[in-house]
Amino acid sequence: MKNITPPTLNPLVALFVKITIAVAVAIVVLVVAGFLLKIFLIAAVVAAVAVGVFFLYNLFRRRRNFPAIR
């Protein structure tokens, strides 16, 4: 990994900067993951409702196709 800090910087300050950048990136990743999780959860609910409606539609449509018993 390339050293992104200037050579005159104190090693503890350089470590602090690296840790701060890592924490900031982790927070951004968590926020983005949370946003995407909400989208995936909503999409899963919509898909489940659509499959349920399709199942019920086919269930009732098949019953009408049965021949009448006389």
C-alpha atoms as a PDB file:
ATOM      1  CA  MET A   1       0.000   0.000   0.000  1.00  0.00           C
ATOM      2  CA  LYS A   2       1.307   3.397  -0.921  1.00  0.00           C
ATOM      3  CA  ASN A   3       1.999   5.772   1.974  1.00  0.00           C
ATOM      4  CA  ILE A   4      -0.386   8.721   1.512  1.00  0.00           C
ATOM      5  CA  THR A   5       0.979  10.816   4.386  1.00  0.00           C
ATOM      6  CA  PRO A   6       3.898  13.236   3.996  1.00  0.00           C
ATOM      7  CA  PRO A   7       7.255  11.932   5.329  1.00  0.00           C
ATOM      8  CA  THR A   8       7.540  14.832   7.824  1.00  0.00           C
ATOM      9  CA  LEU A   9       4.315  13.869   9.605  1.00  0.00           C
ATOM     10  CA  ASN A  10       4.566  12.341  13.081  1.00  0.00           C
ATOM     11  CA  PRO A  11       3.879   8.564  12.904  1.00  0.00           C
ATOM     12  CA  LEU A  12       1.122   8.811  15.514  1.00  0.00           C
ATOM     13  CA  VAL A  13      -0.606  11.570  13.552  1.00  0.00           C
ATOM     14  CA  ALA A  14      -0.273   9.481  10.392  1.00  0.00           C
ATOM     15  CA  LEU A  15      -1.854   6.524  12.194  1.00  0.00           C
ATOM     16  CA  PHE A  16      -4.645   8.763  13.475  1.00  0.00           C
ATOM     17  CA  VAL A  17      -5.346  10.023   9.944  1.00  0.00           C
ATOM     18  CA  LYS A  18      -5.445   6.468   8.555  1.00  0.00           C
ATOM     19  CA  ILE A  19      -7.775   5.259  11.302  1.00  0.00           C
ATOM     20  CA  THR A  20     -10.012   8.297  10.824  1.00  0.00           C
ATOM     21  CA  ILE A  21     -10.233   7.619   7.089  1.00  0.00           C
ATOM     22  CA  ALA A  22     -11.011   3.938   7.734  1.00  0.00           C
ATOM     23  CA  VAL A  23     -13.775   4.812  10.204  1.00  0.00           C
ATOM     24  CA  ALA A  24     -15.250   7.378   7.809  1.00  0.00           C
ATOM     25  CA  VAL A  25     -15.272   4.841   4.977  1.00  0.00           C
ATOM     26  CA  ALA A  26     -16.887   2.250   7.269  1.00  0.00           C
ATOM     27  CA  ILE A  27     -19.634   4.707   8.254  1.00  0.00           C
ATOM     28  CA  VAL A  28     -20.323   5.553   4.608  1.00  0.00           C
ATOM     29  CA  VAL A  29     -20.469   1.847   3.721  1.00  0.00           C
ATOM     30  CA  LEU A  30     -22.914   1.186   6.574  1.00  0.00           C
ATOM     31  CA  VAL A  31     -25.166   4.070   5.517  1.00  0.00           C
ATOM     32  CA  VAL A  32     -25.172   2.921   1.891  1.00  0.00           C
ATOM     33  CA  ALA A  33     -25.800  -0.693   2.944  1.00  0.00           C
ATOM     34  CA  GLY A  34     -28.697   0.421   5.130  1.00  0.00           C
ATOM     35  CA  PHE A  35     -30.202   2.370   2.243  1.00  0.00           C
ATOM     36  CA  LEU A  36     -29.818  -0.582  -0.123  1.00  0.00           C
ATOM     37  CA  LEU A  37     -31.235  -2.939   2.498  1.00  0.00           C
ATOM     38  CA  LYS A  38     -34.380  -0.817   2.682  1.00  0.00           C
ATOM     39  CA  ILE A  39     -34.724  -0.959  -1.098  1.00  0.00           C
ATOM     40  CA  PHE A  40     -34.211  -4.742  -1.149  1.00  0.00           C
ATOM     41  CA  LEU A  41     -36.681  -5.224   1.691  1.00  0.00           C
ATOM     42  CA  ILE A  42     -39.355  -3.181  -0.088  1.00  0.00           C
ATOM     43  CA  ALA A  43     -38.661  -5.055  -3.339  1.00  0.00           C
ATOM     44  CA  ALA A  44     -38.974  -8.395  -1.532  1.00  0.00           C
ATOM     45  CA  VAL A  45     -42.324  -7.383  -0.003  1.00  0.00           C
ATOM     46  CA  VAL A  46     -43.640  -6.219  -3.378  1.00  0.00           C
ATOM     47  CA  ALA A  47     -42.474  -9.453  -5.019  1.00  0.00           C
ATOM     48  CA  ALA A  48     -44.082 -11.551  -2.276  1.00  0.00           C
ATOM     49  CA  VAL A  49     -47.388  -9.723  -2.674  1.00  0.00           C
ATOM     50  CA  ALA A  50     -47.239 -10.121  -6.461  1.00  0.00           C
ATOM     51  CA  VAL A  51     -46.553 -13.865  -6.197  1.00  0.00           C
ATOM     52  CA  GLY A  52     -49.380 -14.235  -3.665  1.00  0.00           C
ATOM     53  CA  VAL A  53     -51.856 -12.398  -5.890  1.00  0.00           C
ATOM     54  CA  PHE A  54     -50.754 -14.498  -8.865  1.00  0.00           C
ATOM     55  CA  PHE A  55     -51.215 -17.688  -6.819  1.00  0.00           C
ATOM     56  CA  LEU A  56     -54.712 -16.663  -5.680  1.00  0.00           C
ATOM     57  CA  TYR A  57     -55.679 -15.650  -9.219  1.00  0.00           C
ATOM     58  CA  ASN A  58     -54.623 -19.028 -10.578  1.00  0.00           C
ATOM     59  CA  LEU A  59     -56.327 -20.858  -7.720  1.00  0.00           C
ATOM     60  CA  PHE A  60     -59.716 -19.269  -8.403  1.00  0.00           C
ATOM     61  CA  ARG A  61     -59.317 -19.395 -12.176  1.00  0.00           C
ATOM     62  CA  ARG A  62     -58.764 -23.158 -12.075  1.00  0.00           C
ATOM     63  CA  ARG A  63     -61.902 -23.722 -10.011  1.00  0.00           C
ATOM     64  CA  ARG A  64     -64.060 -22.103 -12.692  1.00  0.00           C
ATOM     65  CA  ASN A  65     -62.639 -24.416 -15.361  1.00  0.00           C
ATOM     66  CA  PHE A  66     -63.889 -27.590 -13.652  1.00  0.00           C
ATOM     67  CA  PRO A  67     -66.850 -29.193 -15.416  1.00  0.00           C
ATOM     68  CA  ALA A  68     -70.182 -29.001 -13.633  1.00  0.00           C
ATOM     69  CA  ILE A  69     -71.297 -32.270 -12.027  1.00  0.00           C
ATOM     70  CA  ARG A  70     -74.953 -33.010 -12.787  1.00  0.00           C
END
